[in-house]
Amino acid sequence: MLNLWEFVCEVKMNRQTENYLILKPIAERFNRVASEITDDDIKYMIKSLMKEKIAEAIDFSVVSDVINEYLDDHKEEIAHAAMDCLAGRLELPHGYKWY
C-alpha cells in the first residue's frame, strides 16, 4: 500500500509524463516553424504592425484636410516653383519665366 507521499509523487510523475507527451510534438512543430522565419519576415511583421498602430493613432483624414488646405492656399507658389525647376532642367535662358 502506498503512503500519501508516494501517491502524490506518482500522480505528479504521471501528470508530468502526460504533459511531456502532449507538449513535445507541439514544441517540435513550433521549433520547426520558428526556424523557417527569416529576419526579413520578422522585419516585415514589425513594420506592418507599426503601420497599423500608427494608422489607428493618427486621424489621416485631418492630415489630408490640412495638406489640401495648404495646397489650395499656395497653388501659385507651387506652380511657379515647379515651372522654375522645369526651366532649370530644360536649360532655358536664365530668368526665363513661363508665368
N, C-alpha and C. Protein backbone atom coordinates (compact mmCIF):
# COMPACT_ATOMS: atom_id res chain seq x y z
N MET A 1 0.84 -1.17 0.00
CA MET A 1 0.00 0.00 0.00
C MET A 1 0.89 1.25 0.00
N LEU A 2 0.53 2.24 -0.85
CA LEU A 2 1.30 3.46 -0.98
C LEU A 2 0.95 4.42 0.14
N ASN A 3 1.98 5.06 0.66
CA ASN A 3 1.66 6.12 1.62
C ASN A 3 1.32 7.38 0.84
N LEU A 4 0.89 8.41 1.51
CA LEU A 4 0.41 9.63 0.86
C LEU A 4 1.51 10.27 0.02
N TRP A 5 2.73 10.34 0.51
CA TRP A 5 3.83 10.96 -0.22
C TRP A 5 4.12 10.21 -1.52
N GLU A 6 4.15 8.93 -1.49
CA GLU A 6 4.39 8.13 -2.68
C GLU A 6 3.26 8.31 -3.70
N PHE A 7 2.03 8.39 -3.19
CA PHE A 7 0.88 8.61 -4.07
C PHE A 7 0.98 9.95 -4.78
N VAL A 8 1.34 11.02 -4.02
CA VAL A 8 1.48 12.36 -4.61
C VAL A 8 2.59 12.37 -5.65
N CYS A 9 3.71 11.73 -5.35
CA CYS A 9 4.82 11.68 -6.29
C CYS A 9 4.43 10.94 -7.57
N GLU A 10 3.69 9.82 -7.41
CA GLU A 10 3.27 9.05 -8.57
C GLU A 10 2.29 9.84 -9.44
N VAL A 11 1.36 10.54 -8.81
CA VAL A 11 0.40 11.36 -9.55
C VAL A 11 1.13 12.49 -10.27
N LYS A 12 2.08 13.12 -9.55
CA LYS A 12 2.84 14.21 -10.15
C LYS A 12 3.64 13.69 -11.34
N MET A 13 4.27 12.56 -11.20
CA MET A 13 5.07 12.00 -12.28
C MET A 13 4.19 11.65 -13.47
N ASN A 14 3.03 11.09 -13.20
CA ASN A 14 2.12 10.75 -14.29
C ASN A 14 1.67 12.02 -15.01
N ARG A 15 1.40 13.09 -14.28
CA ARG A 15 0.97 14.34 -14.88
C ARG A 15 2.11 14.95 -15.71
N GLN A 16 3.33 14.89 -15.18
CA GLN A 16 4.47 15.41 -15.93
C GLN A 16 4.68 14.61 -17.21
N THR A 17 4.57 13.30 -17.11
CA THR A 17 4.74 12.44 -18.29
C THR A 17 3.66 12.74 -19.32
N GLU A 18 2.43 12.89 -18.85
CA GLU A 18 1.33 13.20 -19.75
C GLU A 18 1.55 14.56 -20.42
N ASN A 19 1.95 15.56 -19.65
CA ASN A 19 2.22 16.89 -20.22
C ASN A 19 3.35 16.83 -21.24
N TYR A 20 4.39 16.06 -20.94
CA TYR A 20 5.51 15.93 -21.86
C TYR A 20 5.04 15.30 -23.17
N LEU A 21 4.26 14.25 -23.08
CA LEU A 21 3.80 13.57 -24.29
C LEU A 21 2.88 14.46 -25.12
N ILE A 22 2.11 15.30 -24.47
CA ILE A 22 1.20 16.21 -25.19
C ILE A 22 1.97 17.38 -25.80
N LEU A 23 2.88 17.96 -25.02
CA LEU A 23 3.54 19.20 -25.44
C LEU A 23 4.74 18.99 -26.36
N LYS A 24 5.36 17.84 -26.31
CA LYS A 24 6.57 17.61 -27.13
C LYS A 24 6.29 17.79 -28.62
N PRO A 25 5.25 17.19 -29.21
CA PRO A 25 5.01 17.40 -30.64
C PRO A 25 4.69 18.87 -30.98
N ILE A 26 3.99 19.52 -30.07
CA ILE A 26 3.68 20.94 -30.30
C ILE A 26 4.96 21.76 -30.28
N ALA A 27 5.83 21.49 -29.33
CA ALA A 27 7.10 22.21 -29.24
C ALA A 27 7.97 21.95 -30.47
N GLU A 28 7.97 20.72 -30.96
CA GLU A 28 8.76 20.40 -32.16
C GLU A 28 8.24 21.15 -33.37
N ARG A 29 6.90 21.20 -33.53
CA ARG A 29 6.31 21.95 -34.64
C ARG A 29 6.64 23.43 -34.54
N PHE A 30 6.49 23.98 -33.34
CA PHE A 30 6.80 25.39 -33.13
C PHE A 30 8.25 25.68 -33.48
N ASN A 31 9.15 24.82 -33.05
CA ASN A 31 10.57 25.00 -33.32
C ASN A 31 10.85 24.96 -34.82
N ARG A 32 10.20 24.04 -35.53
CA ARG A 32 10.39 23.93 -36.98
C ARG A 32 9.89 25.18 -37.69
N VAL A 33 8.70 25.65 -37.32
CA VAL A 33 8.14 26.85 -37.95
C VAL A 33 8.98 28.07 -37.61
N ALA A 34 9.38 28.20 -36.35
CA ALA A 34 10.19 29.35 -35.94
C ALA A 34 11.52 29.39 -36.66
N SER A 35 12.10 28.24 -36.94
CA SER A 35 13.40 28.22 -37.61
C SER A 35 13.27 28.60 -39.09
N GLU A 36 12.06 28.52 -39.65
CA GLU A 36 11.85 28.87 -41.06
C GLU A 36 11.60 30.36 -41.25
N ILE A 37 11.35 31.10 -40.18
CA ILE A 37 11.07 32.54 -40.29
C ILE A 37 12.40 33.28 -40.43
N THR A 38 12.50 34.10 -41.47
CA THR A 38 13.74 34.84 -41.71
C THR A 38 13.70 36.19 -41.00
N ASP A 39 14.85 36.85 -40.94
CA ASP A 39 14.92 38.19 -40.36
C ASP A 39 14.05 39.16 -41.15
N ASP A 40 14.02 39.00 -42.47
CA ASP A 40 13.18 39.87 -43.30
C ASP A 40 11.70 39.67 -42.98
N ASP A 41 11.31 38.42 -42.72
CA ASP A 41 9.91 38.16 -42.33
C ASP A 41 9.57 38.88 -41.03
N ILE A 42 10.48 38.82 -40.09
CA ILE A 42 10.26 39.47 -38.80
C ILE A 42 10.18 40.98 -38.99
N LYS A 43 11.09 41.55 -39.79
CA LYS A 43 11.07 43.00 -40.05
C LYS A 43 9.75 43.41 -40.70
N TYR A 44 9.29 42.60 -41.66
CA TYR A 44 8.03 42.90 -42.35
C TYR A 44 6.85 42.87 -41.37
N MET A 45 6.84 41.87 -40.48
CA MET A 45 5.76 41.78 -39.49
C MET A 45 5.77 43.00 -38.57
N ILE A 46 6.97 43.41 -38.13
CA ILE A 46 7.08 44.56 -37.24
C ILE A 46 6.63 45.83 -37.96
N LYS A 47 7.10 46.03 -39.19
CA LYS A 47 6.70 47.21 -39.96
C LYS A 47 5.19 47.25 -40.18
N SER A 48 4.61 46.12 -40.52
CA SER A 48 3.17 46.06 -40.75
C SER A 48 2.40 46.42 -39.49
N LEU A 49 2.85 45.87 -38.37
CA LEU A 49 2.18 46.16 -37.11
C LEU A 49 2.33 47.63 -36.75
N MET A 50 3.53 48.20 -36.98
CA MET A 50 3.74 49.62 -36.68
C MET A 50 2.85 50.49 -37.55
N LYS A 51 2.76 50.17 -38.85
CA LYS A 51 1.89 50.94 -39.75
C LYS A 51 0.45 50.89 -39.28
N GLU A 52 0.02 49.72 -38.87
CA GLU A 52 -1.35 49.54 -38.40
C GLU A 52 -1.60 50.38 -37.14
N LYS A 53 -0.66 50.34 -36.20
CA LYS A 53 -0.82 51.09 -34.95
C LYS A 53 -0.78 52.60 -35.20
N ILE A 54 0.09 53.04 -36.11
CA ILE A 54 0.15 54.48 -36.44
C ILE A 54 -1.14 54.91 -37.11
N ALA A 55 -1.65 54.09 -38.02
CA ALA A 55 -2.91 54.42 -38.69
C ALA A 55 -4.06 54.51 -37.68
N GLU A 56 -4.04 53.66 -36.67
CA GLU A 56 -5.07 53.72 -35.63
C GLU A 56 -4.91 54.97 -34.76
N ALA A 57 -3.66 55.39 -34.54
CA ALA A 57 -3.39 56.50 -33.63
C ALA A 57 -3.60 57.87 -34.28
N ILE A 58 -3.39 57.96 -35.59
CA ILE A 58 -3.47 59.25 -36.28
C ILE A 58 -4.69 59.27 -37.18
N ASP A 59 -5.43 60.34 -37.09
CA ASP A 59 -6.59 60.52 -37.97
C ASP A 59 -6.10 61.16 -39.25
N PHE A 60 -5.82 60.32 -40.26
CA PHE A 60 -5.24 60.81 -41.51
C PHE A 60 -6.19 61.69 -42.30
N SER A 61 -7.48 61.62 -42.02
CA SER A 61 -8.41 62.50 -42.71
C SER A 61 -8.13 63.95 -42.33
N VAL A 62 -7.73 64.18 -41.07
CA VAL A 62 -7.39 65.53 -40.63
C VAL A 62 -6.10 65.98 -41.33
N VAL A 63 -5.11 65.09 -41.39
CA VAL A 63 -3.85 65.42 -42.05
C VAL A 63 -4.12 65.72 -43.52
N SER A 64 -4.96 64.93 -44.15
CA SER A 64 -5.30 65.13 -45.54
C SER A 64 -5.97 66.48 -45.74
N ASP A 65 -6.86 66.85 -44.83
CA ASP A 65 -7.53 68.15 -44.91
C ASP A 65 -6.52 69.30 -44.81
N VAL A 66 -5.55 69.17 -43.91
CA VAL A 66 -4.52 70.20 -43.73
C VAL A 66 -3.68 70.33 -45.01
N ILE A 67 -3.30 69.19 -45.60
CA ILE A 67 -2.50 69.22 -46.82
C ILE A 67 -3.29 69.85 -47.96
N ASN A 68 -4.54 69.45 -48.10
CA ASN A 68 -5.37 70.02 -49.17
C ASN A 68 -5.54 71.53 -48.99
N GLU A 69 -5.73 71.96 -47.76
CA GLU A 69 -5.89 73.40 -47.49
C GLU A 69 -4.60 74.14 -47.85
N TYR A 70 -3.45 73.57 -47.46
CA TYR A 70 -2.16 74.19 -47.78
C TYR A 70 -1.99 74.30 -49.30
N LEU A 71 -2.28 73.22 -50.02
CA LEU A 71 -2.14 73.22 -51.47
C LEU A 71 -3.05 74.26 -52.11
N ASP A 72 -4.29 74.35 -51.62
CA ASP A 72 -5.22 75.34 -52.15
C ASP A 72 -4.72 76.76 -51.90
N ASP A 73 -4.14 77.00 -50.71
CA ASP A 73 -3.67 78.34 -50.35
C ASP A 73 -2.39 78.74 -51.07
N HIS A 74 -1.63 77.77 -51.57
CA HIS A 74 -0.32 78.06 -52.16
C HIS A 74 -0.18 77.56 -53.60
N LYS A 75 -1.28 77.49 -54.32
CA LYS A 75 -1.26 76.95 -55.69
C LYS A 75 -0.27 77.69 -56.58
N GLU A 76 -0.32 79.02 -56.56
CA GLU A 76 0.56 79.80 -57.45
C GLU A 76 2.02 79.58 -57.11
N GLU A 77 2.36 79.64 -55.83
CA GLU A 77 3.75 79.45 -55.42
C GLU A 77 4.26 78.07 -55.86
N ILE A 78 3.45 77.06 -55.68
CA ILE A 78 3.84 75.69 -56.05
C ILE A 78 4.01 75.59 -57.56
N ALA A 79 3.08 76.16 -58.31
CA ALA A 79 3.17 76.13 -59.77
C ALA A 79 4.41 76.86 -60.25
N HIS A 80 4.71 78.04 -59.68
CA HIS A 80 5.90 78.80 -60.08
C HIS A 80 7.18 78.03 -59.75
N ALA A 81 7.21 77.40 -58.58
CA ALA A 81 8.40 76.62 -58.20
C ALA A 81 8.59 75.45 -59.17
N ALA A 82 7.50 74.80 -59.56
CA ALA A 82 7.59 73.68 -60.50
C ALA A 82 8.07 74.15 -61.86
N MET A 83 7.54 75.28 -62.32
CA MET A 83 7.95 75.81 -63.63
C MET A 83 9.41 76.26 -63.62
N ASP A 84 9.85 76.90 -62.54
CA ASP A 84 11.26 77.30 -62.43
C ASP A 84 12.16 76.07 -62.44
N CYS A 85 11.73 75.03 -61.77
CA CYS A 85 12.52 73.79 -61.74
C CYS A 85 12.61 73.19 -63.14
N LEU A 86 11.49 73.16 -63.85
CA LEU A 86 11.49 72.65 -65.22
C LEU A 86 12.37 73.50 -66.13
N ALA A 87 12.30 74.83 -65.96
CA ALA A 87 13.13 75.72 -66.78
C ALA A 87 14.60 75.43 -66.55
N GLY A 88 14.96 75.18 -65.30
CA GLY A 88 16.35 74.85 -64.98
C GLY A 88 16.76 73.53 -65.59
N ARG A 89 15.88 72.54 -65.54
CA ARG A 89 16.18 71.23 -66.10
C ARG A 89 16.28 71.26 -67.61
N LEU A 90 15.45 72.10 -68.23
CA LEU A 90 15.45 72.21 -69.68
C LEU A 90 16.52 73.18 -70.18
N GLU A 91 17.27 73.74 -69.23
CA GLU A 91 18.35 74.69 -69.52
C GLU A 91 17.86 75.86 -70.36
N LEU A 92 16.71 76.39 -69.97
CA LEU A 92 16.19 77.59 -70.63
C LEU A 92 17.02 78.79 -70.18
N PRO A 93 17.00 79.88 -70.95
CA PRO A 93 17.79 81.05 -70.57
C PRO A 93 17.49 81.48 -69.14
N HIS A 94 18.55 81.95 -68.45
CA HIS A 94 18.42 82.37 -67.05
C HIS A 94 17.34 83.43 -66.91
N GLY A 95 16.48 83.24 -65.95
CA GLY A 95 15.43 84.20 -65.70
C GLY A 95 14.20 83.97 -66.54
N TYR A 96 14.20 82.97 -67.39
CA TYR A 96 13.03 82.68 -68.23
C TYR A 96 11.86 82.29 -67.34
N LYS A 97 10.75 82.92 -67.52
CA LYS A 97 9.55 82.62 -66.72
C LYS A 97 8.41 82.20 -67.64
N TRP A 98 7.72 81.15 -67.29
CA TRP A 98 6.55 80.70 -68.05
C TRP A 98 5.28 81.37 -67.57
N TYR A 99 5.38 82.10 -66.53
CA TYR A 99 4.17 82.70 -65.92
C TYR A 99 4.28 84.20 -65.92
